[in-house]
C-alpha atoms as a PDB file:
ATOM      1  CA  MET A   1     279.636 118.521 203.942  1.00  0.00           C
ATOM      2  CA  PHE A   2     276.362 118.876 202.012  1.00  0.00           C
ATOM      3  CA  TYR A   3     277.834 116.646 199.312  1.00  0.00           C
ATOM      4  CA  LEU A   4     277.896 113.758 201.794  1.00  0.00           C
ATOM      5  CA  LEU A   5     274.100 113.690 201.837  1.00  0.00           C
ATOM      6  CA  PHE A   6     273.806 114.615 198.172  1.00  0.00           C
ATOM      7  CA  TYR A   7     275.807 111.595 196.991  1.00  0.00           C
ATOM      8  CA  GLY A   8     274.931 109.096 199.727  1.00  0.00           C
ATOM      9  CA  GLY A   9     277.773 109.670 202.125  1.00  0.00           C
ATOM     10  CA  ASN A  10     281.503 109.941 201.792  1.00  0.00           C
ATOM     11  CA  LEU A  11     282.223 107.946 198.646  1.00  0.00           C
ATOM     12  CA  HIS A  12     285.919 107.798 199.525  1.00  0.00           C
ATOM     13  CA  THR A  13     285.188 105.353 202.339  1.00  0.00           C
ATOM     14  CA  CYS A  14     283.817 102.599 200.106  1.00  0.00           C
ATOM     15  CA  SER A  15     284.863 100.622 197.064  1.00  0.00           C
ATOM     16  CA  HIS A  16     284.515 101.925 193.519  1.00  0.00           C
ATOM     17  CA  GLY A  17     281.523  99.659 192.922  1.00  0.00           C
ATOM     18  CA  GLU A  18     279.824 100.548 196.189  1.00  0.00           C
ATOM     19  CA  SER A  19     280.287 104.269 195.550  1.00  0.00           C
ATOM     20  CA  PHE A  20     278.757 103.818 192.078  1.00  0.00           C
ATOM     21  CA  ILE A  21     275.693 102.088 193.562  1.00  0.00           C
ATOM     22  CA  ARG A  22     275.356 104.850 196.185  1.00  0.00           C
ATOM     23  CA  LEU A  23     275.549 107.469 193.463  1.00  0.00           C
ATOM     24  CA  ILE A  24     272.747 105.791 191.518  1.00  0.00           C
ATOM     25  CA  LYS A  25     270.574 105.380 194.611  1.00  0.00           C
ATOM     26  CA  ASN A  26     270.993 109.018 195.596  1.00  0.00           C
ATOM     27  CA  ARG A  27     271.230 110.916 192.316  1.00  0.00           C
ATOM     28  CA  PHE A  28     269.094 109.009 189.795  1.00  0.00           C
ATOM     29  CA  THR A  29     265.423 109.948 189.961  1.00  0.00           C
ATOM     30  CA  ASP A  30     262.208 109.171 188.138  1.00  0.00           C
ATOM     31  CA  HIS A  31     261.627 110.562 184.658  1.00  0.00           C
ATOM     32  CA  GLY A  32     265.358 110.927 184.064  1.00  0.00           C
ATOM     33  CA  LEU A  33     267.394 110.146 180.986  1.00  0.00           C
ATOM     34  CA  TYR A  34     270.614 108.346 181.880  1.00  0.00           C
ATOM     35  CA  ILE A  35     273.438 107.522 179.500  1.00  0.00           C
ATOM     36  CA  LEU A  36     275.870 105.014 180.971  1.00  0.00           C
ATOM     37  CA  ASP A  37     279.107 103.810 179.419  1.00  0.00           C
ATOM     38  CA  GLU A  38     280.103 100.370 180.659  1.00  0.00           C
ATOM     39  CA  PRO A  39     278.707 100.743 184.191  1.00  0.00           C
ATOM     40  CA  GLU A  40     279.662  97.133 184.875  1.00  0.00           C
ATOM     41  CA  ALA A  41     283.338  98.107 184.990  1.00  0.00           C
ATOM     42  CA  ALA A  42     282.999  98.957 188.676  1.00  0.00           C
ATOM     43  CA  LEU A  43     280.601  96.179 189.590  1.00  0.00           C
ATOM     44  CA  SER A  44     280.770  92.522 190.518  1.00  0.00           C
ATOM     45  CA  PRO A  45     278.147  90.263 188.921  1.00  0.00           C
ATOM     46  CA  SER A  46     275.980  90.432 192.050  1.00  0.00           C
ATOM     47  CA  ARG A  47     276.172  94.229 192.028  1.00  0.00           C
ATOM     48  CA  GLN A  48     275.274  94.208 188.325  1.00  0.00           C
ATOM     49  CA  LEU A  49     272.103  92.387 189.362  1.00  0.00           C
ATOM     50  CA  SER A  50     271.490  95.147 191.931  1.00  0.00           C
ATOM     51  CA  LEU A  51     271.985  97.735 189.197  1.00  0.00           C
ATOM     52  CA  LEU A  52     269.503  95.853 187.021  1.00  0.00           C
ATOM     53  CA  CYS A  53     266.941  96.138 189.854  1.00  0.00           C
ATOM     54  CA  PHE A  54     267.560  99.896 190.168  1.00  0.00           C
ATOM     55  CA  ILE A  55     267.213 100.309 186.413  1.00  0.00           C
ATOM     56  CA  ASP A  56     263.924  98.415 186.496  1.00  0.00           C
ATOM     57  CA  GLU A  57     262.566 100.513 189.376  1.00  0.00           C
ATOM     58  CA  LEU A  58     263.527 103.760 187.660  1.00  0.00           C
ATOM     59  CA  ALA A  59     262.176 102.627 184.275  1.00  0.00           C
ATOM     60  CA  LYS A  60     258.832 101.864 185.908  1.00  0.00           C
ATOM     61  CA  GLU A  61     258.878 105.458 187.220  1.00  0.00           C
ATOM     62  CA  GLY A  62     259.422 106.887 183.732  1.00  0.00           C
ATOM     63  CA  SER A  63     263.211 106.984 183.453  1.00  0.00           C
ATOM     64  CA  GLN A  64     265.017 105.960 180.297  1.00  0.00           C
ATOM     65  CA  PHE A  65     268.468 104.471 179.917  1.00  0.00           C
ATOM     66  CA  ILE A  66     270.958 104.279 177.092  1.00  0.00           C
ATOM     67  CA  ILE A  67     273.695 101.888 178.137  1.00  0.00           C
ATOM     68  CA  ALA A  68     276.833 100.887 176.260  1.00  0.00           C
ATOM     69  CA  THR A  69     277.892  97.618 177.853  1.00  0.00           C
ATOM     70  CA  HIS A  70     279.682  94.316 177.492  1.00  0.00           C
ATOM     71  CA  SER A  71     277.757  92.815 180.387  1.00  0.00           C
ATOM     72  CA  PRO A  72     275.555  89.835 179.550  1.00  0.00           C
ATOM     73  CA  ILE A  73     273.675  90.616 182.752  1.00  0.00           C
ATOM     74  CA  LEU A  74     272.804  94.189 181.820  1.00  0.00           C
ATOM     75  CA  ILE A  75     271.889  93.438 178.210  1.00  0.00           C
ATOM     76  CA  SER A  76     269.499  90.740 179.403  1.00  0.00           C
ATOM     77  CA  TYR A  77     267.073  93.310 180.820  1.00  0.00           C
ATOM     78  CA  ARG A  78     263.636  91.990 179.862  1.00  0.00           C
ATOM     79  CA  ASP A  79     262.191  95.353 178.845  1.00  0.00           C
ATOM     80  CA  GLY A  80     265.299  96.607 177.068  1.00  0.00           C
ATOM     81  CA  GLU A  81     266.161  96.802 173.414  1.00  0.00           C
ATOM     82  CA  ILE A  82     269.597  95.801 172.174  1.00  0.00           C
ATOM     83  CA  PHE A  83     271.112  97.640 169.261  1.00  0.00           C
ATOM     84  CA  ASP A  84     274.241  96.066 167.796  1.00  0.00           C
ATOM     85  CA  LEU A  85     276.688  98.883 167.160  1.00  0.00           C
ATOM     86  CA  ASN A  86     278.878  96.570 165.082  1.00  0.00           C
ATOM     87  CA  ASN A  87     275.968  95.872 162.758  1.00  0.00           C
ATOM     88  CA  ASN A  88     274.607  99.336 161.862  1.00  0.00           C
ATOM     89  CA  PHE A  89     272.615  99.611 165.113  1.00  0.00           C
ATOM     90  CA  LYS A  90     270.488  96.614 164.137  1.00  0.00           C
ATOM     91  CA  LEU A  91     267.900  95.618 166.740  1.00  0.00           C
ATOM     92  CA  THR A  92     269.190  92.305 168.082  1.00  0.00           C
ATOM     93  CA  LYS A  93     267.906  89.506 170.280  1.00  0.00           C
ATOM     94  CA  TYR A  94     269.830  88.763 173.466  1.00  0.00           C
ATOM     95  CA  GLU A  95     270.769  85.261 172.345  1.00  0.00           C
ATOM     96  CA  ASP A  96     272.140  86.634 169.072  1.00  0.00           C
ATOM     97  CA  THR A  97     274.617  89.028 170.682  1.00  0.00           C
ATOM     98  CA  GLU A  98     278.302  88.257 170.499  1.00  0.00           C
ATOM     99  CA  ILE A  99     278.702  88.749 174.245  1.00  0.00           C
ATOM    100  CA  TYR A 100     275.964  86.211 175.021  1.00  0.00           C
ATOM    101  CA  LYS A 101     277.441  83.651 172.634  1.00  0.00           C
ATOM    102  CA  THR A 102     280.942  84.094 174.046  1.00  0.00           C
ATOM    103  CA  TYR A 103     279.884  83.794 177.686  1.00  0.00           C
ATOM    104  CA  LYS A 104     277.593  80.846 176.940  1.00  0.00           C
ATOM    105  CA  MET A 105     280.309  79.000 175.070  1.00  0.00           C
ATOM    106  CA  TYR A 106     282.743  79.554 177.913  1.00  0.00           C
ATOM    107  CA  LEU A 107     280.366  78.837 180.800  1.00  0.00           C
ATOM    108  CA  ASP A 108     278.953  75.708 179.152  1.00  0.00           C
ATOM    109  CA  ASN A 109     282.420  74.149 179.189  1.00  0.00           C
ATOM    110  CA  PRO A 110     285.194  76.335 180.663  1.00  0.00           C
ATOM    111  CA  TYR A 111     287.795  73.559 180.739  1.00  0.00           C
ATOM    112  CA  ASP A 112     287.368  72.736 177.073  1.00  0.00           C
ATOM    113  CA  MET A 113     287.604  76.439 176.222  1.00  0.00           C
ATOM    114  CA  GLN A 114     290.797  76.750 178.274  1.00  0.00           C
ATOM    115  CA  ARG A 115     292.205  73.656 176.581  1.00  0.00           C
ATOM    116  CA  ARG A 116     291.509  75.295 173.215  1.00  0.00           C
ATOM    117  CA  LEU A 117     293.058  78.569 174.334  1.00  0.00           C
ATOM    118  CA  PHE A 118     296.142  77.249 176.110  1.00  0.00           C
ATOM    119  CA  ASP A 119     296.978  73.983 174.396  1.00  0.00           C
ATOM    120  CA  VAL A 120     297.425  75.306 170.907  1.00  0.00           C
ATOM    121  CA  ASP A 121     299.938  73.342 168.858  1.00  0.00           C
ATOM    122  CA  ASP A 122     302.557  75.606 167.310  1.00  0.00           C
END
């Protein structure tokens, strides 16, 4: 039963996203190096914002993160650096990322985007 305290309680009693947040709260510490692969997969947008807050707190305490993500929320971190893996790891601005451009285009006018996607003439 020690693992219950170690990981923030019984992770089987909560959702995948909630268990992921508990794991971070209880296992990630200052001065750590954390490599995360698409952590947003388990998280709603509001929980991604929570994760961004945890990342910021830990970074201020000396932790470092390497994150592979498709989340426009996570790549927007103000103190982060974005390396475009599809462009020889080129340092890239947030607004120049493909994920930002795609989400912006869709969110600026979702109905027009859906019209373009669904109403294609054969």
